[in-house]
Amino acid sequence: MGTFVFFGGKGGVGKTTISSAYALKSARAGQETLIVSTDPAHSTSDVFDQDFDDEPQSVEDEPHLWAMEIDPEDEVEAHMMDVKRRMTDQVSPAIVNEIDRQIELAHQTPGAYEAALFDRFIEVMRTADDYDRVVFDTSPTGGTLRLLSLPEFLEEWLERLVDKRAESIDLFEKAAIGKKEARRRAEDDPIIQHLRERKEKFEFAGETLRDDAAFYLVLNPDELSIRETDRAVDAMAEEGLHVDGLVINKVTPAPDDDEEGRGAAYLAERVATERERIDEVRNSFDQPVVAIIEARTREIKGDLLETVADELEIDVRPDAPEA
């Protein structure tokens, strides 16, 4: 099992419940565990009956468990302000207002949310030395997965950019500096430095996600959820990421054989349909089903969370040392 464990799936399938249960299972096995939530509804706080923020906090009565909740809107705002700061440092005051307008438009564009969250994911992964395991309650989306492809494209582009920058300096300042100095100035250009940092960041993310992470997808026993899971598996495979297992959540409990009436008939029919969907998942996916979690009548926390943790057939042990 890698250091980083991601639980993904479409909205509403129960990612926070399953990721919290696994984090509890890992912590109680003696692994120093951090669970990271990006749910704006702060569901992790509800699960553990404790308020969390964007810095790790210890979970009460669980000596090996920490939790943090990343607010997506705050991350997007901070991301955009960082972009604005970098841009305004490089331009004349005359176009600062236009930059403000463009930043505001960018805030609303598709991908801003994913890019900001992905940056924070990477930051958490880079500073996770204090933990044996870091559990994320969401997997990278298709949009953020595509960022993993950027380093190979950035390499050639950056080299061309350095050459163009050197050529520009050479043309405008040739009288004052030589060619080697022009090249040196291009290499030290803050914009180029930032792009190189971004490239290195995505390289680190790609290497970490491929070599030191495990991915589980949570789904419900319904057609839409199965389709979304199939698309997610394909999207991750395109980026060289392997899904380790599937968790089927919110499965309807079967009525007793002697139950009668309209409610029992409804339950029996629903159970039969869900069993067909579960069989479909088992037969059509290469990934193993690591848990089938029945729906509960109340919020999953406390003793119920422990029960769900016990039902997850996901290893919590660190990787065994190589022989």
C-alpha atoms as a PDB file:
ATOM      1  CA  MET A   1       0.000   0.000   0.000  1.00  0.00           C
ATOM      2  CA  GLY A   2       1.398   3.394  -0.984  1.00  0.00           C
ATOM      3  CA  THR A   3       1.643   6.452   1.221  1.00  0.00           C
ATOM      4  CA  PHE A   4      -1.214   8.232  -0.564  1.00  0.00           C
ATOM      5  CA  VAL A   5      -4.674   6.695  -0.893  1.00  0.00           C
ATOM      6  CA  PHE A   6      -7.378   8.366  -2.984  1.00  0.00           C
ATOM      7  CA  PHE A   7     -11.112   7.659  -2.910  1.00  0.00           C
ATOM      8  CA  GLY A   8     -12.981   9.006  -5.930  1.00  0.00           C
ATOM      9  CA  GLY A   9     -16.417   8.763  -7.490  1.00  0.00           C
ATOM     10  CA  LYS A  10     -19.334  10.898  -8.616  1.00  0.00           C
ATOM     11  CA  GLY A  11     -20.981  13.290  -6.201  1.00  0.00           C
ATOM     12  CA  GLY A  12     -23.153  11.772  -3.518  1.00  0.00           C
ATOM     13  CA  VAL A  13     -21.849   8.189  -3.621  1.00  0.00           C
ATOM     14  CA  GLY A  14     -20.335   8.417  -0.132  1.00  0.00           C
ATOM     15  CA  LYS A  15     -16.636   9.186  -0.728  1.00  0.00           C
ATOM     16  CA  THR A  16     -16.238  11.028   2.568  1.00  0.00           C
ATOM     17  CA  THR A  17     -17.781   8.195   4.567  1.00  0.00           C
ATOM     18  CA  ILE A  18     -15.600   5.544   2.930  1.00  0.00           C
ATOM     19  CA  SER A  19     -12.391   7.586   3.064  1.00  0.00           C
ATOM     20  CA  SER A  20     -13.031   8.457   6.730  1.00  0.00           C
ATOM     21  CA  ALA A  21     -13.663   4.799   7.541  1.00  0.00           C
ATOM     22  CA  TYR A  22     -10.442   3.753   5.823  1.00  0.00           C
ATOM     23  CA  ALA A  23      -8.474   6.511   7.581  1.00  0.00           C
ATOM     24  CA  LEU A  24      -9.830   5.282  10.917  1.00  0.00           C
ATOM     25  CA  LYS A  25      -8.913   1.689  10.010  1.00  0.00           C
ATOM     26  CA  SER A  26      -5.391   2.784   9.066  1.00  0.00           C
ATOM     27  CA  ALA A  27      -4.906   4.864  12.218  1.00  0.00           C
ATOM     28  CA  ARG A  28      -6.110   2.077  14.493  1.00  0.00           C
ATOM     29  CA  ALA A  29      -3.609  -0.224  12.825  1.00  0.00           C
ATOM     30  CA  GLY A  30      -0.897   2.102  14.139  1.00  0.00           C
ATOM     31  CA  GLN A  31      -0.284   4.072  10.943  1.00  0.00           C
ATOM     32  CA  GLU A  32       0.130   7.827  11.439  1.00  0.00           C
ATOM     33  CA  THR A  33      -2.730   8.879   9.169  1.00  0.00           C
ATOM     34  CA  LEU A  34      -3.960  12.169   7.739  1.00  0.00           C
ATOM     35  CA  ILE A  35      -7.319  12.441   6.000  1.00  0.00           C
ATOM     36  CA  VAL A  36      -7.698  15.340   3.582  1.00  0.00           C
ATOM     37  CA  SER A  37     -11.182  16.473   2.577  1.00  0.00           C
ATOM     38  CA  THR A  38     -12.136  18.842  -0.229  1.00  0.00           C
ATOM     39  CA  ASP A  39     -15.866  18.683   0.482  1.00  0.00           C
ATOM     40  CA  PRO A  40     -17.242  22.260   0.793  1.00  0.00           C
ATOM     41  CA  ALA A  41     -20.014  20.878   3.041  1.00  0.00           C
ATOM     42  CA  HIS A  42     -17.336  19.952   5.625  1.00  0.00           C
ATOM     43  CA  SER A  43     -18.636  16.399   5.900  1.00  0.00           C
ATOM     44  CA  THR A  44     -15.456  15.166   7.573  1.00  0.00           C
ATOM     45  CA  SER A  45     -16.186  17.469  10.480  1.00  0.00           C
ATOM     46  CA  ASP A  46     -19.650  15.927  10.687  1.00  0.00           C
ATOM     47  CA  VAL A  47     -18.276  12.372  10.578  1.00  0.00           C
ATOM     48  CA  PHE A  48     -15.920  12.961  13.507  1.00  0.00           C
ATOM     49  CA  ASP A  49     -18.093  15.553  15.330  1.00  0.00           C
ATOM     50  CA  GLN A  50     -15.179  17.974  15.310  1.00  0.00           C
ATOM     51  CA  ASP A  51     -14.407  21.162  13.387  1.00  0.00           C
ATOM     52  CA  PHE A  52     -11.430  21.036  11.026  1.00  0.00           C
ATOM     53  CA  ASP A  53      -9.780  23.651   8.809  1.00  0.00           C
ATOM     54  CA  ASP A  54      -7.078  23.728   6.144  1.00  0.00           C
ATOM     55  CA  GLU A  55      -4.299  22.733   8.537  1.00  0.00           C
ATOM     56  CA  PRO A  56      -3.967  19.208   9.981  1.00  0.00           C
ATOM     57  CA  GLN A  57      -5.576  18.758  13.395  1.00  0.00           C
ATOM     58  CA  SER A  58      -5.564  15.682  15.596  1.00  0.00           C
ATOM     59  CA  VAL A  59      -8.852  13.806  15.793  1.00  0.00           C
ATOM     60  CA  GLU A  60     -10.089  13.541  19.367  1.00  0.00           C
ATOM     61  CA  ASP A  61      -9.567  10.158  21.030  1.00  0.00           C
ATOM     62  CA  GLU A  62      -7.682   8.849  17.976  1.00  0.00           C
ATOM     63  CA  PRO A  63      -3.946   9.241  18.738  1.00  0.00           C
ATOM     64  CA  HIS A  64      -2.787   8.269  15.227  1.00  0.00           C
ATOM     65  CA  LEU A  65      -5.356  10.212  13.180  1.00  0.00           C
ATOM     66  CA  TRP A  66      -5.320  13.783  11.859  1.00  0.00           C
ATOM     67  CA  ALA A  67      -7.764  15.573   9.563  1.00  0.00           C
ATOM     68  CA  MET A  68      -7.887  18.708   7.442  1.00  0.00           C
ATOM     69  CA  GLU A  69     -10.562  20.277   5.235  1.00  0.00           C
ATOM     70  CA  ILE A  70      -9.521  22.239   2.169  1.00  0.00           C
ATOM     71  CA  ASP A  71     -12.060  24.832   1.062  1.00  0.00           C
ATOM     72  CA  PRO A  72     -12.150  24.746  -2.768  1.00  0.00           C
ATOM     73  CA  GLU A  73     -13.317  28.361  -3.084  1.00  0.00           C
ATOM     74  CA  ASP A  74     -10.525  29.618  -0.835  1.00  0.00           C
ATOM     75  CA  GLU A  75      -7.995  27.627  -2.863  1.00  0.00           C
ATOM     76  CA  VAL A  76      -9.247  29.061  -6.169  1.00  0.00           C
ATOM     77  CA  GLU A  77      -9.115  32.585  -4.737  1.00  0.00           C
ATOM     78  CA  ALA A  78      -5.574  32.115  -3.430  1.00  0.00           C
ATOM     79  CA  HIS A  79      -4.504  30.520  -6.715  1.00  0.00           C
ATOM     80  CA  MET A  80      -5.852  33.419  -8.767  1.00  0.00           C
ATOM     81  CA  MET A  81      -4.314  36.026  -6.474  1.00  0.00           C
ATOM     82  CA  ASP A  82      -0.929  34.331  -6.845  1.00  0.00           C
ATOM     83  CA  VAL A  83      -1.308  34.434 -10.630  1.00  0.00           C
ATOM     84  CA  LYS A  84      -2.280  38.110 -10.429  1.00  0.00           C
ATOM     85  CA  ARG A  85       0.714  38.951  -8.243  1.00  0.00           C
ATOM     86  CA  ARG A  86       3.133  37.256 -10.615  1.00  0.00           C
ATOM     87  CA  MET A  87       1.631  38.985 -13.624  1.00  0.00           C
ATOM     88  CA  THR A  88       1.482  42.493 -12.145  1.00  0.00           C
ATOM     89  CA  ASP A  89       5.124  42.193 -11.067  1.00  0.00           C
ATOM     90  CA  GLN A  90       6.082  41.822 -14.739  1.00  0.00           C
ATOM     91  CA  VAL A  91       3.932  44.452 -16.468  1.00  0.00           C
ATOM     92  CA  SER A  92       3.486  48.189 -16.480  1.00  0.00           C
ATOM     93  CA  PRO A  93       0.848  49.809 -14.206  1.00  0.00           C
ATOM     94  CA  ALA A  94      -1.115  50.813 -17.322  1.00  0.00           C
ATOM     95  CA  ILE A  95      -2.479  47.306 -17.877  1.00  0.00           C
ATOM     96  CA  VAL A  96      -3.021  46.226 -14.253  1.00  0.00           C
ATOM     97  CA  ASN A  97      -6.765  46.923 -14.542  1.00  0.00           C
ATOM     98  CA  GLU A  98      -6.985  44.687 -17.595  1.00  0.00           C
ATOM     99  CA  ILE A  99      -5.176  41.958 -15.672  1.00  0.00           C
ATOM    100  CA  ASP A 100      -7.731  42.314 -12.864  1.00  0.00           C
ATOM    101  CA  ARG A 101     -10.524  41.816 -15.386  1.00  0.00           C
ATOM    102  CA  GLN A 102      -8.869  38.790 -16.951  1.00  0.00           C
ATOM    103  CA  ILE A 103      -8.215  37.227 -13.522  1.00  0.00           C
ATOM    104  CA  GLU A 104     -11.869  37.631 -12.607  1.00  0.00           C
ATOM    105  CA  LEU A 105     -12.908  35.952 -15.847  1.00  0.00           C
ATOM    106  CA  ALA A 106     -10.413  33.159 -15.268  1.00  0.00           C
ATOM    107  CA  HIS A 107     -11.893  32.588 -11.803  1.00  0.00           C
ATOM    108  CA  GLN A 108     -15.133  31.498 -13.477  1.00  0.00           C
ATOM    109  CA  THR A 109     -13.632  29.328 -16.201  1.00  0.00           C
ATOM    110  CA  PRO A 110     -13.766  25.527 -16.216  1.00  0.00           C
ATOM    111  CA  GLY A 111     -10.556  24.090 -14.848  1.00  0.00           C
ATOM    112  CA  ALA A 112      -9.755  26.865 -12.348  1.00  0.00           C
ATOM    113  CA  TYR A 113     -11.229  24.804  -9.503  1.00  0.00           C
ATOM    114  CA  GLU A 114      -9.358  21.644 -10.514  1.00  0.00           C
ATOM    115  CA  ALA A 115      -6.042  23.426 -11.070  1.00  0.00           C
ATOM    116  CA  ALA A 116      -6.179  25.143  -7.673  1.00  0.00           C
ATOM    117  CA  LEU A 117      -7.078  21.938  -5.835  1.00  0.00           C
ATOM    118  CA  PHE A 118      -4.405  19.989  -7.678  1.00  0.00           C
ATOM    119  CA  ASP A 119      -1.799  22.521  -6.574  1.00  0.00           C
ATOM    120  CA  ARG A 120      -2.905  22.037  -2.971  1.00  0.00           C
ATOM    121  CA  PHE A 121      -2.862  18.249  -3.338  1.00  0.00           C
ATOM    122  CA  ILE A 122       0.749  18.492  -4.473  1.00  0.00           C
ATOM    123  CA  GLU A 123       1.612  20.780  -1.562  1.00  0.00           C
ATOM    124  CA  VAL A 124       0.115  18.268   0.895  1.00  0.00           C
ATOM    125  CA  MET A 125       1.984  15.388  -0.739  1.00  0.00           C
ATOM    126  CA  ARG A 126       5.270  17.289  -0.619  1.00  0.00           C
ATOM    127  CA  THR A 127       4.901  18.037   3.111  1.00  0.00           C
ATOM    128  CA  ALA A 128       3.598  14.629   4.242  1.00  0.00           C
ATOM    129  CA  ASP A 129       6.776  13.324   5.854  1.00  0.00           C
ATOM    130  CA  ASP A 130       5.133  13.190   9.299  1.00  0.00           C
ATOM    131  CA  TYR A 131       2.552  10.635   8.145  1.00  0.00           C
ATOM    132  CA  ASP A 132       2.652   6.993   7.142  1.00  0.00           C
ATOM    133  CA  ARG A 133      -0.511   7.388   5.132  1.00  0.00           C
ATOM    134  CA  VAL A 134      -2.408  10.338   3.637  1.00  0.00           C
ATOM    135  CA  VAL A 135      -6.006   9.653   2.619  1.00  0.00           C
ATOM    136  CA  PHE A 136      -7.728  11.977   0.129  1.00  0.00           C
ATOM    137  CA  ASP A 137     -11.506  11.866  -0.046  1.00  0.00           C
ATOM    138  CA  THR A 138     -11.466  12.570  -3.766  1.00  0.00           C
ATOM    139  CA  SER A 139      -9.422  11.433  -6.750  1.00  0.00           C
ATOM    140  CA  PRO A 140      -7.990  13.763  -9.384  1.00  0.00           C
ATOM    141  CA  THR A 141     -10.588  14.517 -12.057  1.00  0.00           C
ATOM    142  CA  GLY A 142     -10.113  14.135 -15.794  1.00  0.00           C
ATOM    143  CA  GLY A 143      -9.080  17.778 -16.002  1.00  0.00           C
ATOM    144  CA  THR A 144      -6.417  17.543 -13.323  1.00  0.00           C
ATOM    145  CA  LEU A 145      -5.176  14.218 -14.664  1.00  0.00           C
ATOM    146  CA  ARG A 146      -4.364  15.938 -17.933  1.00  0.00           C
ATOM    147  CA  LEU A 147      -2.016  18.234 -16.035  1.00  0.00           C
ATOM    148  CA  LEU A 148       0.230  15.204 -15.547  1.00  0.00           C
ATOM    149  CA  SER A 149       0.952  15.294 -19.266  1.00  0.00           C
ATOM    150  CA  LEU A 150       2.260  18.855 -19.123  1.00  0.00           C
ATOM    151  CA  PRO A 151       5.950  18.278 -18.257  1.00  0.00           C
ATOM    152  CA  GLU A 152       6.806  16.614 -21.567  1.00  0.00           C
ATOM    153  CA  PHE A 153       5.100  19.438 -23.471  1.00  0.00           C
ATOM    154  CA  LEU A 154       6.583  22.164 -21.257  1.00  0.00           C
ATOM    155  CA  GLU A 155      10.165  20.982 -21.728  1.00  0.00           C
ATOM    156  CA  GLU A 156      10.479  21.866 -25.409  1.00  0.00           C
ATOM    157  CA  TRP A 157       8.320  24.975 -25.011  1.00  0.00           C
ATOM    158  CA  LEU A 158      10.439  26.285 -22.141  1.00  0.00           C
ATOM    159  CA  GLU A 159      13.650  25.773 -24.069  1.00  0.00           C
ATOM    160  CA  ARG A 160      12.218  27.699 -27.023  1.00  0.00           C
ATOM    161  CA  LEU A 161      11.039  30.411 -24.642  1.00  0.00           C
ATOM    162  CA  VAL A 162      14.519  30.749 -23.136  1.00  0.00           C
ATOM    163  CA  ASP A 163      16.000  31.037 -26.635  1.00  0.00           C
ATOM    164  CA  LYS A 164      13.465  33.685 -27.674  1.00  0.00           C
ATOM    165  CA  ARG A 165      14.043  35.610 -24.463  1.00  0.00           C
ATOM    166  CA  ALA A 166      17.792  35.534 -25.024  1.00  0.00           C
ATOM    167  CA  GLU A 167      17.305  36.650 -28.616  1.00  0.00           C
ATOM    168  CA  SER A 168      15.106  39.538 -27.464  1.00  0.00           C
ATOM    169  CA  ILE A 169      17.637  40.680 -24.892  1.00  0.00           C
ATOM    170  CA  ASP A 170      20.379  40.332 -27.451  1.00  0.00           C
ATOM    171  CA  LEU A 171      18.546  42.531 -29.943  1.00  0.00           C
ATOM    172  CA  PHE A 172      17.604  45.296 -27.545  1.00  0.00           C
ATOM    173  CA  GLU A 173      20.640  45.307 -25.271  1.00  0.00           C
ATOM    174  CA  LYS A 174      23.390  43.975 -27.495  1.00  0.00           C
ATOM    175  CA  ALA A 175      25.361  47.138 -27.127  1.00  0.00           C
ATOM    176  CA  ALA A 176      25.533  46.747 -23.359  1.00  0.00           C
ATOM    177  CA  ILE A 177      25.831  42.998 -22.844  1.00  0.00           C
ATOM    178  CA  GLY A 178      27.159  40.005 -24.715  1.00  0.00           C
ATOM    179  CA  LYS A 179      25.413  36.890 -25.957  1.00  0.00           C
ATOM    180  CA  LYS A 180      26.363  34.802 -22.955  1.00  0.00           C
ATOM    181  CA  GLU A 181      25.030  37.449 -20.609  1.00  0.00           C
ATOM    182  CA  ALA A 182      21.795  37.614 -22.589  1.00  0.00           C
ATOM    183  CA  ARG A 183      21.379  33.873 -22.197  1.00  0.00           C
ATOM    184  CA  ARG A 184      22.093  34.115 -18.471  1.00  0.00           C
ATOM    185  CA  ARG A 185      19.463  36.815 -18.043  1.00  0.00           C
ATOM    186  CA  ALA A 186      16.938  34.696 -19.894  1.00  0.00           C
ATOM    187  CA  GLU A 187      17.671  31.749 -17.616  1.00  0.00           C
ATOM    188  CA  ASP A 188      17.111  33.992 -14.577  1.00  0.00           C
ATOM    189  CA  ASP A 189      13.890  35.472 -15.940  1.00  0.00           C
ATOM    190  CA  PRO A 190      11.218  35.170 -13.165  1.00  0.00           C
ATOM    191  CA  ILE A 191       8.504  34.057 -15.597  1.00  0.00           C
ATOM    192  CA  ILE A 192      10.680  31.290 -16.992  1.00  0.00           C
ATOM    193  CA  GLN A 193      11.703  30.293 -13.482  1.00  0.00           C
ATOM    194  CA  HIS A 194       8.037  30.030 -12.493  1.00  0.00           C
ATOM    195  CA  LEU A 195       7.263  27.864 -15.507  1.00  0.00           C
ATOM    196  CA  ARG A 196      10.168  25.585 -14.649  1.00  0.00           C
ATOM    197  CA  GLU A 197       8.856  25.305 -11.085  1.00  0.00           C
ATOM    198  CA  ARG A 198       5.431  24.364 -12.449  1.00  0.00           C
ATOM    199  CA  LYS A 199       6.981  21.738 -14.676  1.00  0.00           C
ATOM    200  CA  GLU A 200       8.911  20.241 -11.752  1.00  0.00           C
ATOM    201  CA  LYS A 201       5.768  20.288  -9.612  1.00  0.00           C
ATOM    202  CA  PHE A 202       3.770  18.310 -12.174  1.00  0.00           C
ATOM    203  CA  GLU A 203       6.688  15.899 -12.633  1.00  0.00           C
ATOM    204  CA  PHE A 204       6.705  15.272  -8.880  1.00  0.00           C
ATOM    205  CA  ALA A 205       2.927  14.750  -8.912  1.00  0.00           C
ATOM    206  CA  GLY A 206       3.059  12.320 -11.801  1.00  0.00           C
ATOM    207  CA  GLU A 207       5.865  10.289 -10.262  1.00  0.00           C
ATOM    208  CA  THR A 208       4.197  10.220  -6.839  1.00  0.00           C
ATOM    209  CA  LEU A 209       0.750   9.283  -8.132  1.00  0.00           C
ATOM    210  CA  ARG A 210       2.147   6.496 -10.284  1.00  0.00           C
ATOM    211  CA  ASP A 211       4.671   5.071  -7.796  1.00  0.00           C
ATOM    212  CA  ASP A 212       3.404   5.843  -4.283  1.00  0.00           C
ATOM    213  CA  ALA A 213      -0.393   6.048  -4.456  1.00  0.00           C
ATOM    214  CA  ALA A 214      -3.409   3.767  -4.468  1.00  0.00           C
ATOM    215  CA  PHE A 215      -6.768   4.637  -6.012  1.00  0.00           C
ATOM    216  CA  TYR A 216     -10.206   3.349  -5.076  1.00  0.00           C
ATOM    217  CA  LEU A 217     -13.455   4.368  -6.703  1.00  0.00           C
ATOM    218  CA  VAL A 218     -16.702   4.514  -4.738  1.00  0.00           C
ATOM    219  CA  LEU A 219     -19.951   3.868  -6.569  1.00  0.00           C
ATOM    220  CA  ASN A 220     -23.581   3.067  -5.882  1.00  0.00           C
ATOM    221  CA  PRO A 221     -25.417   0.118  -7.440  1.00  0.00           C
ATOM    222  CA  ASP A 222     -27.107   2.151 -10.157  1.00  0.00           C
ATOM    223  CA  GLU A 223     -26.547   2.627 -13.869  1.00  0.00           C
ATOM    224  CA  LEU A 224     -25.355   6.257 -13.783  1.00  0.00           C
ATOM    225  CA  SER A 225     -22.805   5.555 -11.074  1.00  0.00           C
ATOM    226  CA  ILE A 226     -21.461   2.525 -12.947  1.00  0.00           C
ATOM    227  CA  ARG A 227     -21.070   4.550 -16.151  1.00  0.00           C
ATOM    228  CA  GLU A 228     -19.232   7.329 -14.325  1.00  0.00           C
ATOM    229  CA  THR A 229     -16.928   4.781 -12.708  1.00  0.00           C
ATOM    230  CA  ASP A 230     -16.157   3.229 -16.096  1.00  0.00           C
ATOM    231  CA  ARG A 231     -15.217   6.650 -17.485  1.00  0.00           C
ATOM    232  CA  ALA A 232     -13.037   7.385 -14.453  1.00  0.00           C
ATOM    233  CA  VAL A 233     -11.152   4.092 -14.842  1.00  0.00           C
ATOM    234  CA  ASP A 234     -10.482   4.863 -18.511  1.00  0.00           C
ATOM    235  CA  ALA A 235      -9.370   8.441 -17.789  1.00  0.00           C
ATOM    236  CA  MET A 236      -6.913   7.294 -15.155  1.00  0.00           C
ATOM    237  CA  ALA A 237      -5.569   4.516 -17.361  1.00  0.00           C
ATOM    238  CA  GLU A 238      -4.790   7.094 -20.059  1.00  0.00           C
ATOM    239  CA  GLU A 239      -2.438   8.785 -17.588  1.00  0.00           C
ATOM    240  CA  GLY A 240      -0.818   5.546 -16.475  1.00  0.00           C
ATOM    241  CA  LEU A 241      -2.737   5.330 -13.185  1.00  0.00           C
ATOM    242  CA  HIS A 242      -4.188   2.039 -12.007  1.00  0.00           C
ATOM    243  CA  VAL A 243      -7.420   1.778  -9.999  1.00  0.00           C
ATOM    244  CA  ASP A 244      -6.784  -0.700  -7.189  1.00  0.00           C
ATOM    245  CA  GLY A 245     -10.360  -1.507  -6.254  1.00  0.00           C
ATOM    246  CA  LEU A 246     -14.041  -0.570  -6.149  1.00  0.00           C
ATOM    247  CA  VAL A 247     -16.270   0.098  -3.151  1.00  0.00           C
ATOM    248  CA  ILE A 248     -19.993  -0.388  -3.756  1.00  0.00           C
ATOM    249  CA  ASN A 249     -21.769   1.818  -1.231  1.00  0.00           C
ATOM    250  CA  LYS A 250     -25.382   2.473  -0.154  1.00  0.00           C
ATOM    251  CA  VAL A 251     -26.602  -1.014  -1.003  1.00  0.00           C
ATOM    252  CA  THR A 252     -30.215  -1.659   0.054  1.00  0.00           C
ATOM    253  CA  PRO A 253     -30.562  -4.360   2.757  1.00  0.00           C
ATOM    254  CA  ALA A 254     -32.810  -7.249   1.743  1.00  0.00           C
ATOM    255  CA  PRO A 255     -36.137  -7.695   3.590  1.00  0.00           C
ATOM    256  CA  ASP A 256     -36.684 -10.847   5.630  1.00  0.00           C
ATOM    257  CA  ASP A 257     -38.313 -13.735   3.779  1.00  0.00           C
ATOM    258  CA  ASP A 258     -41.469 -13.528   5.894  1.00  0.00           C
ATOM    259  CA  GLU A 259     -42.004  -9.803   5.348  1.00  0.00           C
ATOM    260  CA  GLU A 260     -45.073  -8.893   3.313  1.00  0.00           C
ATOM    261  CA  GLY A 261     -46.850  -5.788   2.087  1.00  0.00           C
ATOM    262  CA  ARG A 262     -46.106  -2.950  -0.277  1.00  0.00           C
ATOM    263  CA  GLY A 263     -42.898  -1.862   1.479  1.00  0.00           C
ATOM    264  CA  ALA A 264     -41.454  -5.361   1.484  1.00  0.00           C
ATOM    265  CA  ALA A 265     -42.330  -5.829  -2.207  1.00  0.00           C
ATOM    266  CA  TYR A 266     -40.635  -2.535  -3.059  1.00  0.00           C
ATOM    267  CA  LEU A 267     -37.522  -3.500  -1.112  1.00  0.00           C
ATOM    268  CA  ALA A 268     -37.375  -6.945  -2.688  1.00  0.00           C
ATOM    269  CA  GLU A 269     -37.599  -5.490  -6.199  1.00  0.00           C
ATOM    270  CA  ARG A 270     -35.004  -2.835  -5.443  1.00  0.00           C
ATOM    271  CA  VAL A 271     -32.656  -5.407  -3.934  1.00  0.00           C
ATOM    272  CA  ALA A 272     -33.030  -7.632  -6.996  1.00  0.00           C
ATOM    273  CA  THR A 273     -32.169  -4.713  -9.310  1.00  0.00           C
ATOM    274  CA  GLU A 274     -29.155  -3.740  -7.218  1.00  0.00           C
ATOM    275  CA  ARG A 275     -27.901  -7.323  -7.170  1.00  0.00           C
ATOM    276  CA  GLU A 276     -27.976  -7.264 -10.970  1.00  0.00           C
ATOM    277  CA  ARG A 277     -25.935  -4.055 -10.933  1.00  0.00           C
ATOM    278  CA  ILE A 278     -23.426  -5.544  -8.483  1.00  0.00           C
ATOM    279  CA  ASP A 279     -23.040  -8.607 -10.702  1.00  0.00           C
ATOM    280  CA  GLU A 280     -22.521  -6.247 -13.650  1.00  0.00           C
ATOM    281  CA  VAL A 281     -19.719  -4.474 -11.779  1.00  0.00           C
ATOM    282  CA  ARG A 282     -18.033  -7.744 -10.859  1.00  0.00           C
ATOM    283  CA  ASN A 283     -18.226  -9.029 -14.429  1.00  0.00           C
ATOM    284  CA  SER A 284     -17.405  -5.899 -16.422  1.00  0.00           C
ATOM    285  CA  PHE A 285     -14.576  -4.331 -14.376  1.00  0.00           C
ATOM    286  CA  ASP A 286     -11.076  -5.726 -14.029  1.00  0.00           C
ATOM    287  CA  GLN A 287     -10.754  -4.092 -10.612  1.00  0.00           C
ATOM    288  CA  PRO A 288     -11.804  -6.136  -7.552  1.00  0.00           C
ATOM    289  CA  VAL A 289     -14.782  -5.143  -5.417  1.00  0.00           C
ATOM    290  CA  VAL A 290     -13.133  -4.556  -2.029  1.00  0.00           C
ATOM    291  CA  ALA A 291     -16.339  -3.845  -0.097  1.00  0.00           C
ATOM    292  CA  ILE A 292     -20.109  -3.868  -0.415  1.00  0.00           C
ATOM    293  CA  ILE A 293     -21.466  -1.439   2.154  1.00  0.00           C
ATOM    294  CA  GLU A 294     -25.154  -1.520   3.065  1.00  0.00           C
ATOM    295  CA  ALA A 295     -27.093   1.711   3.535  1.00  0.00           C
ATOM    296  CA  ARG A 296     -27.716   2.747   7.130  1.00  0.00           C
ATOM    297  CA  THR A 297     -30.750   4.499   8.558  1.00  0.00           C
ATOM    298  CA  ARG A 298     -28.712   7.175  10.333  1.00  0.00           C
ATOM    299  CA  GLU A 299     -25.535   9.172   9.801  1.00  0.00           C
ATOM    300  CA  ILE A 300     -22.395   7.059   9.690  1.00  0.00           C
ATOM    301  CA  LYS A 301     -20.208   8.127  12.589  1.00  0.00           C
ATOM    302  CA  GLY A 302     -18.970   6.653  15.842  1.00  0.00           C
ATOM    303  CA  ASP A 303     -19.739   2.926  16.116  1.00  0.00           C
ATOM    304  CA  LEU A 304     -21.208   2.840  12.601  1.00  0.00           C
ATOM    305  CA  LEU A 305     -17.994   4.266  11.144  1.00  0.00           C
ATOM    306  CA  GLU A 306     -16.057   1.520  12.907  1.00  0.00           C
ATOM    307  CA  THR A 307     -18.394  -1.076  11.372  1.00  0.00           C
ATOM    308  CA  VAL A 308     -17.850   0.316   7.872  1.00  0.00           C
ATOM    309  CA  ALA A 309     -14.083   0.370   8.494  1.00  0.00           C
ATOM    310  CA  ASP A 310     -14.197  -3.314   9.375  1.00  0.00           C
ATOM    311  CA  GLU A 311     -16.051  -4.071   6.133  1.00  0.00           C
ATOM    312  CA  LEU A 312     -13.360  -2.496   3.934  1.00  0.00           C
ATOM    313  CA  GLU A 313     -11.077  -5.201   2.591  1.00  0.00           C
ATOM    314  CA  ILE A 314      -8.280  -2.735   1.904  1.00  0.00           C
ATOM    315  CA  ASP A 315      -4.817  -3.316   3.316  1.00  0.00           C
ATOM    316  CA  VAL A 316      -3.623  -0.802   5.872  1.00  0.00           C
ATOM    317  CA  ARG A 317      -0.110  -2.170   6.285  1.00  0.00           C
ATOM    318  CA  PRO A 318       2.874  -0.317   4.803  1.00  0.00           C
ATOM    319  CA  ASP A 319       4.651  -1.913   1.876  1.00  0.00           C
ATOM    320  CA  ALA A 320       6.719  -4.907   2.929  1.00  0.00           C
ATOM    321  CA  PRO A 321      10.471  -4.347   2.546  1.00  0.00           C
ATOM    322  CA  GLU A 322      12.058  -5.834  -0.531  1.00  0.00           C
ATOM    323  CA  ALA A 323      13.968  -9.050  -0.032  1.00  0.00           C
END
